[in-house]
């Protein structure tokens, strides 16, 4: 019997006189890919499409965690996760700028997509400032 828990397979062999439990760590051989727009202004009030994709169709629904680096906090909205449906190779999602009234510099934000069975992927988007000193 083989049971998968995250990246670990547990193999159980039962015989009349022997019980063996062993496990091995699997190294991910599949990769996530992430595509983001190169830049947008913080005041454009529109959603921008980003995409997470994999090379072969998902064998089950894949819950992909999304995270933003500290530069992006308060500058863009990204969902906490997206799902690549079973049988699909990608999912698109929206990222949205957050407008502020501060005069600040353009900032490059890194977004990371991750799943336990895949190598994670990161990409960057530049959020351009629109505020001017009056």
N, C-alpha and C. Protein backbone atom coordinates (compact mmCIF):
# COMPACT_ATOMS: atom_id res chain seq x y z
N UNK A 1 0.86 -1.16 0.00
CA UNK A 1 0.00 0.00 0.00
C UNK A 1 0.91 1.23 0.00
N UNK A 2 0.57 2.25 -0.82
CA UNK A 2 1.35 3.47 -0.91
C UNK A 2 0.42 4.64 -0.61
N UNK A 3 0.81 5.49 0.34
CA UNK A 3 0.02 6.65 0.73
C UNK A 3 0.89 7.89 0.54
N UNK A 4 0.34 8.93 -0.11
CA UNK A 4 1.09 10.16 -0.31
C UNK A 4 0.60 11.23 0.65
N UNK A 5 1.52 11.82 1.40
CA UNK A 5 1.23 12.91 2.30
C UNK A 5 2.19 14.04 1.94
N UNK A 6 1.70 15.05 1.24
CA UNK A 6 2.57 16.13 0.77
C UNK A 6 3.59 15.58 -0.19
N UNK A 7 4.90 15.73 0.15
CA UNK A 7 5.97 15.25 -0.71
C UNK A 7 6.49 13.88 -0.27
N UNK A 8 5.84 13.27 0.70
CA UNK A 8 6.33 12.01 1.26
C UNK A 8 5.38 10.88 0.89
N UNK A 9 5.96 9.80 0.39
CA UNK A 9 5.20 8.58 0.18
C UNK A 9 5.50 7.65 1.34
N UNK A 10 4.47 7.08 1.92
CA UNK A 10 4.65 6.07 2.96
C UNK A 10 4.25 4.74 2.33
N UNK A 11 5.16 3.80 2.40
CA UNK A 11 4.91 2.49 1.82
C UNK A 11 4.73 1.50 2.96
N UNK A 12 3.62 0.77 2.95
CA UNK A 12 3.33 -0.20 3.99
C UNK A 12 3.27 -1.58 3.34
N UNK A 13 4.09 -2.46 3.85
CA UNK A 13 4.11 -3.84 3.36
C UNK A 13 3.70 -4.74 4.52
N UNK A 14 2.68 -5.54 4.32
CA UNK A 14 2.20 -6.43 5.38
C UNK A 14 2.32 -7.87 4.92
N UNK A 15 2.94 -8.67 5.73
CA UNK A 15 3.00 -10.11 5.46
C UNK A 15 2.69 -10.84 6.76
N UNK A 16 2.60 -12.16 6.70
CA UNK A 16 2.23 -12.95 7.87
C UNK A 16 3.22 -12.76 9.01
N UNK A 17 4.49 -12.54 8.70
CA UNK A 17 5.47 -12.45 9.77
C UNK A 17 6.22 -11.12 9.80
N UNK A 18 5.86 -10.18 8.93
CA UNK A 18 6.68 -8.98 8.82
C UNK A 18 5.81 -7.74 8.57
N UNK A 19 6.09 -6.66 9.27
CA UNK A 19 5.43 -5.38 9.04
C UNK A 19 6.53 -4.35 8.81
N UNK A 20 6.53 -3.70 7.66
CA UNK A 20 7.57 -2.74 7.30
C UNK A 20 6.93 -1.40 6.99
N UNK A 21 7.46 -0.35 7.55
CA UNK A 21 7.01 1.00 7.24
C UNK A 21 8.23 1.79 6.79
N UNK A 22 8.17 2.29 5.59
CA UNK A 22 9.30 3.08 5.11
C UNK A 22 8.78 4.30 4.38
N UNK A 23 9.61 5.28 4.18
CA UNK A 23 9.20 6.49 3.48
C UNK A 23 10.36 7.11 2.74
N UNK A 24 10.05 7.94 1.78
CA UNK A 24 11.10 8.65 1.07
C UNK A 24 10.58 10.04 0.71
N UNK A 25 11.48 11.00 0.67
CA UNK A 25 11.13 12.37 0.30
C UNK A 25 11.25 12.47 -1.21
N UNK A 26 10.22 13.01 -1.83
CA UNK A 26 10.25 13.21 -3.27
C UNK A 26 10.73 14.62 -3.57
N UNK A 27 11.55 14.76 -4.57
CA UNK A 27 11.93 16.10 -5.01
C UNK A 27 10.99 16.51 -6.12
N UNK A 28 10.51 17.73 -6.07
CA UNK A 28 9.57 18.16 -7.10
C UNK A 28 10.22 18.13 -8.48
N UNK A 29 9.50 17.60 -9.44
CA UNK A 29 10.00 17.56 -10.81
C UNK A 29 9.12 18.39 -11.72
N UNK A 30 8.07 18.97 -11.17
CA UNK A 30 7.17 19.79 -11.95
C UNK A 30 7.34 21.24 -11.49
N UNK A 31 7.07 22.15 -12.40
CA UNK A 31 7.30 23.55 -12.12
C UNK A 31 6.05 24.37 -12.37
N UNK A 32 5.82 25.34 -11.50
CA UNK A 32 4.80 26.35 -11.74
C UNK A 32 5.43 27.46 -12.56
N UNK A 33 4.64 28.14 -13.35
CA UNK A 33 5.08 29.30 -14.11
C UNK A 33 4.10 30.42 -13.81
N UNK A 34 4.60 31.63 -13.71
CA UNK A 34 3.77 32.78 -13.36
C UNK A 34 4.02 33.90 -14.35
N UNK A 35 2.95 34.47 -14.87
CA UNK A 35 3.06 35.56 -15.83
C UNK A 35 2.26 36.76 -15.30
N UNK A 36 2.94 37.91 -15.20
CA UNK A 36 2.33 39.14 -14.70
C UNK A 36 2.50 40.25 -15.73
N UNK A 37 1.64 41.28 -15.68
CA UNK A 37 1.90 42.45 -16.52
C UNK A 37 3.20 43.09 -16.06
N UNK A 38 3.89 43.80 -16.94
CA UNK A 38 5.17 44.39 -16.56
C UNK A 38 5.00 45.58 -15.61
N UNK A 39 3.93 46.38 -15.82
CA UNK A 39 3.71 47.53 -14.93
C UNK A 39 2.29 48.05 -15.10
N UNK A 40 1.87 48.88 -14.13
CA UNK A 40 0.62 49.63 -14.22
C UNK A 40 0.67 50.76 -13.21
N UNK A 41 -0.20 51.78 -13.41
CA UNK A 41 -0.26 52.91 -12.50
C UNK A 41 -1.18 52.58 -11.33
N UNK A 42 -0.85 53.12 -10.17
CA UNK A 42 -1.63 52.84 -8.98
C UNK A 42 -3.03 53.43 -9.04
N UNK A 43 -3.27 54.40 -9.92
CA UNK A 43 -4.58 55.04 -9.96
C UNK A 43 -5.44 54.60 -11.14
N UNK A 44 -5.07 53.52 -11.82
CA UNK A 44 -5.85 53.18 -13.01
C UNK A 44 -7.15 52.45 -12.70
N UNK A 45 -7.33 52.03 -11.47
CA UNK A 45 -8.60 51.46 -10.99
C UNK A 45 -9.12 50.31 -11.86
N UNK A 46 -8.25 49.60 -12.49
CA UNK A 46 -8.67 48.44 -13.27
C UNK A 46 -7.92 47.22 -12.79
N UNK A 47 -8.50 46.08 -13.03
CA UNK A 47 -7.84 44.82 -12.71
C UNK A 47 -6.90 44.45 -13.86
N UNK A 48 -5.84 43.79 -13.52
CA UNK A 48 -4.88 43.33 -14.52
C UNK A 48 -4.77 41.82 -14.40
N UNK A 49 -4.73 41.16 -15.53
CA UNK A 49 -4.74 39.70 -15.54
C UNK A 49 -3.34 39.14 -15.37
N UNK A 50 -3.24 38.16 -14.49
CA UNK A 50 -2.03 37.38 -14.28
C UNK A 50 -2.40 35.92 -14.47
N UNK A 51 -1.42 35.08 -14.75
CA UNK A 51 -1.69 33.67 -15.02
C UNK A 51 -0.65 32.78 -14.36
N UNK A 52 -1.13 31.72 -13.72
CA UNK A 52 -0.27 30.64 -13.23
C UNK A 52 -0.53 29.45 -14.14
N UNK A 53 0.56 28.82 -14.63
CA UNK A 53 0.34 27.66 -15.48
C UNK A 53 1.35 26.56 -15.20
N UNK A 54 0.99 25.36 -15.62
CA UNK A 54 1.83 24.18 -15.49
C UNK A 54 1.96 23.54 -16.87
N UNK A 55 2.93 22.67 -17.03
CA UNK A 55 3.22 22.12 -18.36
C UNK A 55 2.26 21.01 -18.79
N UNK A 56 1.75 20.24 -17.87
CA UNK A 56 0.81 19.18 -18.25
C UNK A 56 -0.47 19.33 -17.42
N UNK A 57 -1.56 18.82 -17.93
CA UNK A 57 -2.86 18.99 -17.29
C UNK A 57 -2.85 18.47 -15.85
N UNK A 58 -3.49 19.22 -14.98
CA UNK A 58 -3.57 18.85 -13.56
C UNK A 58 -4.39 17.58 -13.40
N UNK A 59 -3.89 16.66 -12.58
CA UNK A 59 -4.60 15.40 -12.33
C UNK A 59 -5.70 15.58 -11.29
N UNK A 60 -5.68 16.69 -10.58
CA UNK A 60 -6.68 17.02 -9.58
C UNK A 60 -6.65 18.55 -9.42
N UNK A 61 -7.65 19.12 -8.77
CA UNK A 61 -7.65 20.57 -8.54
C UNK A 61 -6.41 20.95 -7.72
N UNK A 62 -5.64 21.90 -8.24
CA UNK A 62 -4.42 22.34 -7.55
C UNK A 62 -4.67 23.70 -6.88
N UNK A 63 -4.58 23.74 -5.57
CA UNK A 63 -4.71 24.97 -4.82
C UNK A 63 -3.33 25.64 -4.81
N UNK A 64 -3.21 26.76 -5.50
CA UNK A 64 -1.94 27.46 -5.62
C UNK A 64 -1.95 28.65 -4.67
N UNK A 65 -1.01 28.68 -3.73
CA UNK A 65 -0.88 29.81 -2.81
C UNK A 65 -0.17 30.96 -3.51
N UNK A 66 -0.67 32.17 -3.30
CA UNK A 66 -0.05 33.37 -3.85
C UNK A 66 0.41 34.26 -2.70
N UNK A 67 1.59 34.82 -2.84
CA UNK A 67 2.10 35.73 -1.81
C UNK A 67 2.77 36.93 -2.48
N UNK A 68 2.80 38.03 -1.74
CA UNK A 68 3.38 39.28 -2.21
C UNK A 68 4.50 39.66 -1.26
N UNK A 69 5.61 40.15 -1.81
CA UNK A 69 6.70 40.58 -0.94
C UNK A 69 6.32 41.86 -0.20
N UNK A 70 7.15 42.27 0.72
CA UNK A 70 6.82 43.42 1.58
C UNK A 70 6.65 44.71 0.78
N UNK A 71 7.31 44.85 -0.36
CA UNK A 71 7.17 46.05 -1.18
C UNK A 71 5.75 46.19 -1.71
N UNK A 72 5.05 45.08 -1.87
CA UNK A 72 3.71 45.11 -2.43
C UNK A 72 2.60 45.35 -1.43
N UNK A 73 2.92 45.26 -0.14
CA UNK A 73 1.89 45.45 0.88
C UNK A 73 1.37 46.88 0.81
N UNK A 74 0.08 47.02 0.64
CA UNK A 74 -0.54 48.33 0.53
C UNK A 74 -0.43 48.95 -0.85
N UNK A 75 0.20 48.23 -1.80
CA UNK A 75 0.34 48.76 -3.15
C UNK A 75 -0.49 48.00 -4.18
N UNK A 76 -0.66 46.68 -3.97
CA UNK A 76 -1.48 45.88 -4.88
C UNK A 76 -2.28 44.86 -4.08
N UNK A 77 -3.40 44.46 -4.68
CA UNK A 77 -4.21 43.39 -4.11
C UNK A 77 -4.02 42.14 -4.96
N UNK A 78 -3.70 41.04 -4.32
CA UNK A 78 -3.55 39.73 -4.96
C UNK A 78 -4.34 38.74 -4.13
N UNK A 79 -5.13 37.85 -4.75
CA UNK A 79 -5.84 36.85 -3.94
C UNK A 79 -4.86 35.96 -3.20
N UNK A 80 -5.29 35.39 -2.09
CA UNK A 80 -4.43 34.52 -1.28
C UNK A 80 -4.12 33.21 -2.00
N UNK A 81 -5.05 32.77 -2.84
CA UNK A 81 -4.83 31.53 -3.58
C UNK A 81 -5.70 31.51 -4.83
N UNK A 82 -5.35 30.63 -5.75
CA UNK A 82 -6.15 30.36 -6.94
C UNK A 82 -6.16 28.85 -7.13
N UNK A 83 -7.05 28.35 -7.96
CA UNK A 83 -7.15 26.91 -8.20
C UNK A 83 -7.01 26.62 -9.69
N UNK A 84 -6.03 25.78 -10.03
CA UNK A 84 -5.95 25.25 -11.38
C UNK A 84 -6.86 24.03 -11.41
N UNK A 85 -7.95 24.08 -12.18
CA UNK A 85 -8.91 22.97 -12.17
C UNK A 85 -8.32 21.68 -12.75
N UNK A 86 -8.83 20.57 -12.27
CA UNK A 86 -8.44 19.25 -12.81
C UNK A 86 -8.61 19.27 -14.32
N UNK A 87 -7.61 18.77 -15.04
CA UNK A 87 -7.66 18.71 -16.50
C UNK A 87 -7.18 19.96 -17.20
N UNK A 88 -6.90 21.02 -16.44
CA UNK A 88 -6.45 22.28 -17.03
C UNK A 88 -4.95 22.46 -16.83
N UNK A 89 -4.38 23.38 -17.58
CA UNK A 89 -2.96 23.69 -17.43
C UNK A 89 -2.71 25.10 -16.89
N UNK A 90 -3.77 25.87 -16.64
CA UNK A 90 -3.57 27.22 -16.14
C UNK A 90 -4.80 27.75 -15.43
N UNK A 91 -4.58 28.84 -14.73
CA UNK A 91 -5.67 29.63 -14.16
C UNK A 91 -5.24 31.09 -14.24
N UNK A 92 -6.16 31.95 -14.66
CA UNK A 92 -5.90 33.39 -14.67
C UNK A 92 -6.58 34.01 -13.46
N UNK A 93 -6.01 35.09 -12.99
CA UNK A 93 -6.57 35.80 -11.84
C UNK A 93 -6.28 37.28 -12.00
N UNK A 94 -6.97 38.07 -11.20
CA UNK A 94 -6.83 39.53 -11.29
C UNK A 94 -5.96 40.07 -10.16
N UNK A 95 -5.09 41.01 -10.52
CA UNK A 95 -4.37 41.78 -9.51
C UNK A 95 -4.79 43.23 -9.69
N UNK A 96 -4.91 43.93 -8.59
CA UNK A 96 -5.44 45.29 -8.64
C UNK A 96 -4.52 46.25 -7.90
N UNK A 97 -4.27 47.42 -8.49
CA UNK A 97 -3.48 48.42 -7.78
C UNK A 97 -4.30 49.04 -6.65
N UNK A 98 -3.61 49.46 -5.61
CA UNK A 98 -4.24 50.18 -4.52
C UNK A 98 -3.72 51.61 -4.58
N UNK A 99 -4.62 52.55 -4.83
CA UNK A 99 -4.22 53.95 -4.95
C UNK A 99 -4.05 54.55 -3.55
N UNK A 100 -3.01 55.34 -3.41
CA UNK A 100 -2.82 56.10 -2.18
C UNK A 100 -2.64 57.57 -2.56
N UNK A 101 -2.61 58.43 -1.60
CA UNK A 101 -2.44 59.86 -1.88
C UNK A 101 -1.02 60.30 -1.55
N UNK A 102 -0.14 59.35 -1.37
CA UNK A 102 1.24 59.64 -1.02
C UNK A 102 2.09 59.84 -2.27
N UNK A 103 3.01 60.78 -2.18
CA UNK A 103 3.99 60.94 -3.24
C UNK A 103 5.12 59.97 -2.89
N UNK A 104 5.22 58.93 -3.68
CA UNK A 104 6.26 57.93 -3.43
C UNK A 104 6.80 57.44 -4.76
N UNK A 105 7.87 56.69 -4.69
CA UNK A 105 8.52 56.21 -5.91
C UNK A 105 7.78 55.00 -6.46
N UNK A 106 8.06 54.73 -7.74
CA UNK A 106 7.58 53.49 -8.32
C UNK A 106 8.17 52.34 -7.50
N UNK A 107 7.44 51.24 -7.42
CA UNK A 107 7.93 50.11 -6.65
C UNK A 107 7.77 48.83 -7.47
N UNK A 108 8.79 48.00 -7.41
CA UNK A 108 8.73 46.70 -8.07
C UNK A 108 8.31 45.67 -7.03
N UNK A 109 7.22 44.96 -7.33
CA UNK A 109 6.63 44.01 -6.41
C UNK A 109 6.84 42.59 -6.94
N UNK A 110 7.25 41.70 -6.06
CA UNK A 110 7.42 40.29 -6.44
C UNK A 110 6.23 39.49 -5.92
N UNK A 111 5.61 38.73 -6.82
CA UNK A 111 4.52 37.82 -6.46
C UNK A 111 5.05 36.40 -6.64
N UNK A 112 4.73 35.53 -5.69
CA UNK A 112 5.19 34.14 -5.75
C UNK A 112 3.99 33.21 -5.72
N UNK A 113 4.03 32.21 -6.59
CA UNK A 113 3.02 31.15 -6.63
C UNK A 113 3.68 29.87 -6.13
N UNK A 114 2.97 29.13 -5.24
CA UNK A 114 3.58 27.91 -4.69
C UNK A 114 2.54 26.82 -4.45
N UNK A 115 3.02 25.60 -4.52
CA UNK A 115 2.23 24.39 -4.24
C UNK A 115 3.23 23.33 -3.76
N UNK A 116 2.86 22.50 -2.78
CA UNK A 116 3.82 21.54 -2.23
C UNK A 116 4.41 20.55 -3.24
N UNK A 117 3.68 20.23 -4.31
CA UNK A 117 4.17 19.25 -5.27
C UNK A 117 4.88 19.87 -6.46
N UNK A 118 5.07 21.19 -6.45
CA UNK A 118 5.68 21.89 -7.58
C UNK A 118 6.75 22.85 -7.10
N UNK A 119 7.72 23.10 -7.97
CA UNK A 119 8.68 24.16 -7.70
C UNK A 119 7.93 25.48 -7.83
N UNK A 120 8.16 26.40 -6.92
CA UNK A 120 7.43 27.67 -6.95
C UNK A 120 7.93 28.56 -8.09
N UNK A 121 7.14 29.58 -8.38
CA UNK A 121 7.48 30.54 -9.43
C UNK A 121 7.27 31.95 -8.91
N UNK A 122 8.11 32.87 -9.36
CA UNK A 122 7.97 34.27 -8.98
C UNK A 122 8.09 35.14 -10.23
N UNK A 123 7.45 36.29 -10.18
CA UNK A 123 7.56 37.27 -11.25
C UNK A 123 7.36 38.64 -10.61
N UNK A 124 7.71 39.68 -11.34
CA UNK A 124 7.60 41.03 -10.79
C UNK A 124 6.69 41.91 -11.64
N UNK A 125 6.11 42.90 -10.98
CA UNK A 125 5.31 43.93 -11.63
C UNK A 125 5.71 45.26 -10.99
N UNK A 126 5.82 46.29 -11.81
CA UNK A 126 6.16 47.62 -11.29
C UNK A 126 4.87 48.43 -11.13
N UNK A 127 4.65 48.92 -9.92
CA UNK A 127 3.49 49.79 -9.65
C UNK A 127 4.02 51.22 -9.74
N UNK A 128 3.51 51.95 -10.71
CA UNK A 128 3.97 53.31 -10.98
C UNK A 128 3.16 54.32 -10.17
N UNK A 129 3.86 55.26 -9.55
CA UNK A 129 3.21 56.28 -8.75
C UNK A 129 2.53 57.31 -9.65
N UNK A 130 1.41 57.85 -9.20
CA UNK A 130 0.69 58.85 -9.97
C UNK A 130 0.55 60.17 -9.23
N UNK A 131 1.02 60.22 -8.00
CA UNK A 131 0.82 61.40 -7.16
C UNK A 131 1.96 62.40 -7.37
N UNK A 132 1.62 63.69 -7.36
CA UNK A 132 2.60 64.75 -7.57
C UNK A 132 2.58 65.71 -6.40
N UNK A 133 3.71 66.36 -6.18
CA UNK A 133 3.81 67.37 -5.13
C UNK A 133 3.04 68.59 -5.61
N UNK A 134 2.16 69.11 -4.76
CA UNK A 134 1.37 70.29 -5.15
C UNK A 134 1.98 71.56 -4.65
